[in-house]
Amino acid sequence: MTWSFLTRPARARTPDPLVTLRLQVRLGELAAELRRVEEDPAVYARAHHWFAVQGAYDALLREACQLAGLPTATAPLRADERAAAGERLREELELSSRGWSW
């Protein structure tokens, strides 16, 4: 390998830590909201609220995967499909294996 003083080897672009932290905090908030809706049978329009929060969580999870350089499903996940649950779990595990927590 020939080194030149004018060129440097390309470095992998690392995501902004503040953007990463914002995503982690928001994922944690949405996960807590999902748990609250699941546990409280008195929530008004419970199913609608759950699907809305689940959709927001899935979209943010995809954004986090893209930031971390992970492949994601091109189509938005649907909260009521079994395949979506498997894809969601895969994305969560991939992010966790890379040190993400929420």
N, C-alpha and C. Protein backbone atom coordinates (compact mmCIF):
# COMPACT_ATOMS: atom_id res chain seq x y z
N MET A 1 0.84 -1.17 0.00
CA MET A 1 0.00 0.00 0.00
C MET A 1 0.89 1.23 0.00
N THR A 2 0.63 2.13 -0.89
CA THR A 2 1.40 3.35 -1.00
C THR A 2 0.69 4.47 -0.25
N TRP A 3 1.43 5.12 0.62
CA TRP A 3 0.87 6.22 1.38
C TRP A 3 1.32 7.54 0.78
N SER A 4 0.43 8.43 0.72
CA SER A 4 0.75 9.77 0.25
C SER A 4 0.41 10.74 1.36
N PHE A 5 1.17 11.79 1.42
CA PHE A 5 0.90 12.78 2.45
C PHE A 5 -0.36 13.59 2.13
N LEU A 6 -0.82 13.50 0.89
CA LEU A 6 -1.98 14.27 0.48
C LEU A 6 -3.29 13.52 0.67
N THR A 7 -3.23 12.22 0.81
CA THR A 7 -4.46 11.44 0.97
C THR A 7 -4.40 10.66 2.27
N ARG A 8 -5.55 10.45 2.80
CA ARG A 8 -5.69 9.65 4.01
C ARG A 8 -6.65 8.52 3.73
N PRO A 9 -6.48 7.41 4.44
CA PRO A 9 -7.45 6.33 4.25
C PRO A 9 -8.84 6.79 4.69
N ALA A 10 -9.85 6.34 3.99
CA ALA A 10 -11.23 6.72 4.33
C ALA A 10 -11.62 6.11 5.66
N ARG A 11 -12.28 6.90 6.48
CA ARG A 11 -12.76 6.43 7.77
C ARG A 11 -14.25 6.18 7.69
N ALA A 12 -14.68 5.23 8.48
CA ALA A 12 -16.12 4.96 8.55
C ALA A 12 -16.80 6.15 9.23
N ARG A 13 -17.88 6.62 8.66
CA ARG A 13 -18.60 7.75 9.22
C ARG A 13 -19.39 7.29 10.44
N THR A 14 -19.13 7.92 11.57
CA THR A 14 -19.85 7.56 12.78
C THR A 14 -21.00 8.55 12.98
N PRO A 15 -22.14 8.05 13.44
CA PRO A 15 -23.28 8.95 13.64
C PRO A 15 -23.02 9.93 14.78
N ASP A 16 -23.67 11.05 14.70
CA ASP A 16 -23.59 12.07 15.74
C ASP A 16 -24.12 11.49 17.04
N PRO A 17 -23.35 11.53 18.12
CA PRO A 17 -23.80 10.94 19.38
C PRO A 17 -25.06 11.59 19.95
N LEU A 18 -25.25 12.88 19.69
CA LEU A 18 -26.45 13.54 20.20
C LEU A 18 -27.69 13.08 19.44
N VAL A 19 -27.56 12.83 18.15
CA VAL A 19 -28.67 12.31 17.36
C VAL A 19 -29.00 10.89 17.83
N THR A 20 -27.94 10.11 18.07
CA THR A 20 -28.13 8.75 18.57
C THR A 20 -28.84 8.76 19.92
N LEU A 21 -28.41 9.62 20.81
CA LEU A 21 -29.03 9.73 22.13
C LEU A 21 -30.49 10.14 22.02
N ARG A 22 -30.78 11.10 21.14
CA ARG A 22 -32.18 11.54 20.95
C ARG A 22 -33.05 10.38 20.49
N LEU A 23 -32.55 9.58 19.56
CA LEU A 23 -33.31 8.43 19.08
C LEU A 23 -33.51 7.41 20.19
N GLN A 24 -32.48 7.16 20.98
CA GLN A 24 -32.60 6.20 22.08
C GLN A 24 -33.61 6.65 23.11
N VAL A 25 -33.58 7.92 23.45
CA VAL A 25 -34.53 8.45 24.43
C VAL A 25 -35.95 8.34 23.90
N ARG A 26 -36.15 8.72 22.65
CA ARG A 26 -37.49 8.67 22.06
C ARG A 26 -37.99 7.23 21.95
N LEU A 27 -37.11 6.29 21.57
CA LEU A 27 -37.50 4.87 21.53
C LEU A 27 -37.94 4.39 22.91
N GLY A 28 -37.21 4.81 23.94
CA GLY A 28 -37.58 4.44 25.31
C GLY A 28 -38.93 5.00 25.71
N GLU A 29 -39.19 6.25 25.31
CA GLU A 29 -40.48 6.86 25.63
C GLU A 29 -41.63 6.13 24.93
N LEU A 30 -41.43 5.80 23.66
CA LEU A 30 -42.48 5.09 22.93
C LEU A 30 -42.68 3.68 23.46
N ALA A 31 -41.60 3.00 23.84
CA ALA A 31 -41.73 1.66 24.42
C ALA A 31 -42.50 1.72 25.74
N ALA A 32 -42.24 2.74 26.54
CA ALA A 32 -42.97 2.91 27.81
C ALA A 32 -44.45 3.21 27.54
N GLU A 33 -44.72 4.01 26.52
CA GLU A 33 -46.11 4.32 26.17
C GLU A 33 -46.84 3.06 25.70
N LEU A 34 -46.17 2.21 24.93
CA LEU A 34 -46.78 0.94 24.50
C LEU A 34 -47.13 0.08 25.70
N ARG A 35 -46.20 -0.01 26.66
CA ARG A 35 -46.46 -0.81 27.86
C ARG A 35 -47.64 -0.23 28.65
N ARG A 36 -47.70 1.10 28.74
CA ARG A 36 -48.79 1.74 29.49
C ARG A 36 -50.14 1.44 28.84
N VAL A 37 -50.20 1.50 27.52
CA VAL A 37 -51.44 1.22 26.81
C VAL A 37 -51.83 -0.24 26.96
N GLU A 38 -50.86 -1.13 26.91
CA GLU A 38 -51.15 -2.57 27.06
C GLU A 38 -51.66 -2.90 28.45
N GLU A 39 -51.13 -2.22 29.47
CA GLU A 39 -51.45 -2.55 30.85
C GLU A 39 -52.71 -1.86 31.37
N ASP A 40 -53.16 -0.79 30.73
CA ASP A 40 -54.30 -0.03 31.22
C ASP A 40 -55.53 -0.28 30.33
N PRO A 41 -56.45 -1.13 30.78
CA PRO A 41 -57.62 -1.43 29.96
C PRO A 41 -58.60 -0.26 29.86
N ALA A 42 -58.41 0.79 30.65
CA ALA A 42 -59.33 1.92 30.64
C ALA A 42 -58.91 3.02 29.66
N VAL A 43 -57.84 2.80 28.89
CA VAL A 43 -57.39 3.81 27.93
C VAL A 43 -58.46 3.98 26.86
N TYR A 44 -58.86 5.23 26.63
CA TYR A 44 -59.86 5.53 25.61
C TYR A 44 -59.29 5.19 24.23
N ALA A 45 -60.08 4.51 23.40
CA ALA A 45 -59.67 4.12 22.04
C ALA A 45 -58.35 3.36 22.10
N ARG A 46 -58.31 2.38 22.97
CA ARG A 46 -57.08 1.65 23.27
C ARG A 46 -56.42 1.06 22.03
N ALA A 47 -57.17 0.36 21.20
CA ALA A 47 -56.58 -0.28 20.02
C ALA A 47 -56.02 0.77 19.05
N HIS A 48 -56.77 1.82 18.84
CA HIS A 48 -56.30 2.88 17.94
C HIS A 48 -55.02 3.51 18.49
N HIS A 49 -55.00 3.79 19.78
CA HIS A 49 -53.83 4.38 20.42
C HIS A 49 -52.63 3.44 20.31
N TRP A 50 -52.85 2.15 20.54
CA TRP A 50 -51.76 1.17 20.47
C TRP A 50 -51.17 1.11 19.07
N PHE A 51 -52.04 1.06 18.04
CA PHE A 51 -51.55 1.00 16.66
C PHE A 51 -50.79 2.27 16.28
N ALA A 52 -51.24 3.41 16.75
CA ALA A 52 -50.55 4.67 16.46
C ALA A 52 -49.16 4.69 17.09
N VAL A 53 -49.09 4.29 18.35
CA VAL A 53 -47.79 4.28 19.04
C VAL A 53 -46.88 3.22 18.43
N GLN A 54 -47.42 2.06 18.09
CA GLN A 54 -46.61 1.00 17.49
C GLN A 54 -46.05 1.46 16.13
N GLY A 55 -46.86 2.15 15.35
CA GLY A 55 -46.39 2.67 14.07
C GLY A 55 -45.27 3.69 14.24
N ALA A 56 -45.42 4.57 15.23
CA ALA A 56 -44.37 5.56 15.51
C ALA A 56 -43.09 4.87 15.98
N TYR A 57 -43.23 3.86 16.82
CA TYR A 57 -42.08 3.10 17.32
C TYR A 57 -41.36 2.42 16.16
N ASP A 58 -42.12 1.78 15.27
CA ASP A 58 -41.52 1.09 14.12
C ASP A 58 -40.77 2.07 13.21
N ALA A 59 -41.36 3.23 12.96
CA ALA A 59 -40.71 4.23 12.11
C ALA A 59 -39.41 4.73 12.74
N LEU A 60 -39.43 4.96 14.05
CA LEU A 60 -38.24 5.42 14.74
C LEU A 60 -37.19 4.31 14.80
N LEU A 61 -37.63 3.08 14.94
CA LEU A 61 -36.71 1.94 14.94
C LEU A 61 -36.00 1.83 13.59
N ARG A 62 -36.74 2.03 12.51
CA ARG A 62 -36.13 2.01 11.18
C ARG A 62 -35.12 3.15 11.02
N GLU A 63 -35.46 4.32 11.55
CA GLU A 63 -34.54 5.46 11.49
C GLU A 63 -33.26 5.15 12.26
N ALA A 64 -33.39 4.52 13.42
CA ALA A 64 -32.23 4.14 14.22
C ALA A 64 -31.37 3.13 13.47
N CYS A 65 -31.99 2.17 12.82
CA CYS A 65 -31.25 1.17 12.05
C CYS A 65 -30.48 1.82 10.91
N GLN A 66 -31.11 2.76 10.22
CA GLN A 66 -30.43 3.45 9.13
C GLN A 66 -29.25 4.25 9.65
N LEU A 67 -29.41 4.89 10.80
CA LEU A 67 -28.32 5.65 11.40
C LEU A 67 -27.16 4.73 11.77
N ALA A 68 -27.49 3.53 12.23
CA ALA A 68 -26.46 2.57 12.63
C ALA A 68 -25.89 1.78 11.45
N GLY A 69 -26.44 2.02 10.25
CA GLY A 69 -25.94 1.34 9.06
C GLY A 69 -26.48 -0.07 8.88
N LEU A 70 -27.62 -0.36 9.48
CA LEU A 70 -28.23 -1.68 9.37
C LEU A 70 -29.25 -1.70 8.24
N PRO A 71 -29.38 -2.84 7.56
CA PRO A 71 -30.42 -2.93 6.53
C PRO A 71 -31.80 -2.95 7.18
N THR A 72 -32.75 -2.33 6.52
CA THR A 72 -34.12 -2.30 7.04
C THR A 72 -35.09 -2.68 5.93
N ALA A 73 -36.29 -3.01 6.34
CA ALA A 73 -37.34 -3.29 5.37
C ALA A 73 -37.68 -1.99 4.65
N THR A 74 -37.89 -2.08 3.35
CA THR A 74 -38.19 -0.86 2.59
C THR A 74 -39.60 -0.38 2.85
N ALA A 75 -40.54 -1.30 3.01
CA ALA A 75 -41.92 -0.92 3.27
C ALA A 75 -42.11 -0.70 4.77
N PRO A 76 -42.97 0.24 5.14
CA PRO A 76 -43.25 0.44 6.57
C PRO A 76 -43.83 -0.83 7.19
N LEU A 77 -43.45 -1.09 8.42
CA LEU A 77 -43.98 -2.25 9.12
C LEU A 77 -45.44 -2.01 9.48
N ARG A 78 -46.20 -3.07 9.48
CA ARG A 78 -47.59 -2.97 9.92
C ARG A 78 -47.69 -3.63 11.28
N ALA A 79 -48.28 -2.93 12.22
CA ALA A 79 -48.32 -3.39 13.61
C ALA A 79 -49.13 -4.67 13.78
N ASP A 80 -50.01 -5.00 12.83
CA ASP A 80 -50.88 -6.15 13.03
C ASP A 80 -50.43 -7.39 12.25
N GLU A 81 -49.23 -7.40 11.70
CA GLU A 81 -48.76 -8.55 10.94
C GLU A 81 -47.69 -9.30 11.72
N ARG A 82 -47.70 -10.63 11.61
CA ARG A 82 -46.69 -11.43 12.31
C ARG A 82 -45.30 -11.18 11.76
N ALA A 83 -45.19 -10.99 10.45
CA ALA A 83 -43.89 -10.73 9.85
C ALA A 83 -43.29 -9.44 10.40
N ALA A 84 -44.14 -8.45 10.67
CA ALA A 84 -43.66 -7.20 11.22
C ALA A 84 -43.06 -7.41 12.60
N ALA A 85 -43.67 -8.27 13.39
CA ALA A 85 -43.13 -8.55 14.73
C ALA A 85 -41.75 -9.18 14.64
N GLY A 86 -41.56 -10.08 13.69
CA GLY A 86 -40.25 -10.70 13.51
C GLY A 86 -39.21 -9.71 13.04
N GLU A 87 -39.58 -8.84 12.11
CA GLU A 87 -38.67 -7.81 11.62
C GLU A 87 -38.33 -6.82 12.72
N ARG A 88 -39.33 -6.44 13.52
CA ARG A 88 -39.12 -5.53 14.64
C ARG A 88 -38.12 -6.13 15.64
N LEU A 89 -38.31 -7.41 15.95
CA LEU A 89 -37.41 -8.08 16.89
C LEU A 89 -36.00 -8.13 16.33
N ARG A 90 -35.86 -8.44 15.03
CA ARG A 90 -34.54 -8.49 14.40
C ARG A 90 -33.85 -7.13 14.51
N GLU A 91 -34.58 -6.06 14.21
CA GLU A 91 -34.00 -4.72 14.28
C GLU A 91 -33.59 -4.36 15.71
N GLU A 92 -34.45 -4.69 16.67
CA GLU A 92 -34.12 -4.41 18.08
C GLU A 92 -32.88 -5.17 18.51
N LEU A 93 -32.78 -6.43 18.13
CA LEU A 93 -31.61 -7.23 18.50
C LEU A 93 -30.34 -6.72 17.83
N GLU A 94 -30.44 -6.35 16.56
CA GLU A 94 -29.27 -5.81 15.85
C GLU A 94 -28.78 -4.53 16.51
N LEU A 95 -29.71 -3.64 16.86
CA LEU A 95 -29.31 -2.41 17.52
C LEU A 95 -28.71 -2.69 18.90
N SER A 96 -29.32 -3.60 19.64
CA SER A 96 -28.79 -3.95 20.97
C SER A 96 -27.39 -4.53 20.87
N SER A 97 -27.15 -5.34 19.86
CA SER A 97 -25.83 -5.95 19.70
C SER A 97 -24.76 -4.90 19.36
N ARG A 98 -25.18 -3.75 18.89
CA ARG A 98 -24.26 -2.67 18.58
C ARG A 98 -24.19 -1.62 19.70
N GLY A 99 -24.73 -1.97 20.86
CA GLY A 99 -24.60 -1.10 22.04
C GLY A 99 -25.74 -0.13 22.26
N TRP A 100 -26.78 -0.19 21.44
CA TRP A 100 -27.92 0.70 21.63
C TRP A 100 -28.75 0.20 22.80
N SER A 101 -29.31 1.11 23.56
CA SER A 101 -30.23 0.74 24.64
C SER A 101 -31.31 1.81 24.74
N TRP A 102 -32.48 1.39 25.15
CA TRP A 102 -33.60 2.32 25.32
C TRP A 102 -34.59 1.76 26.27
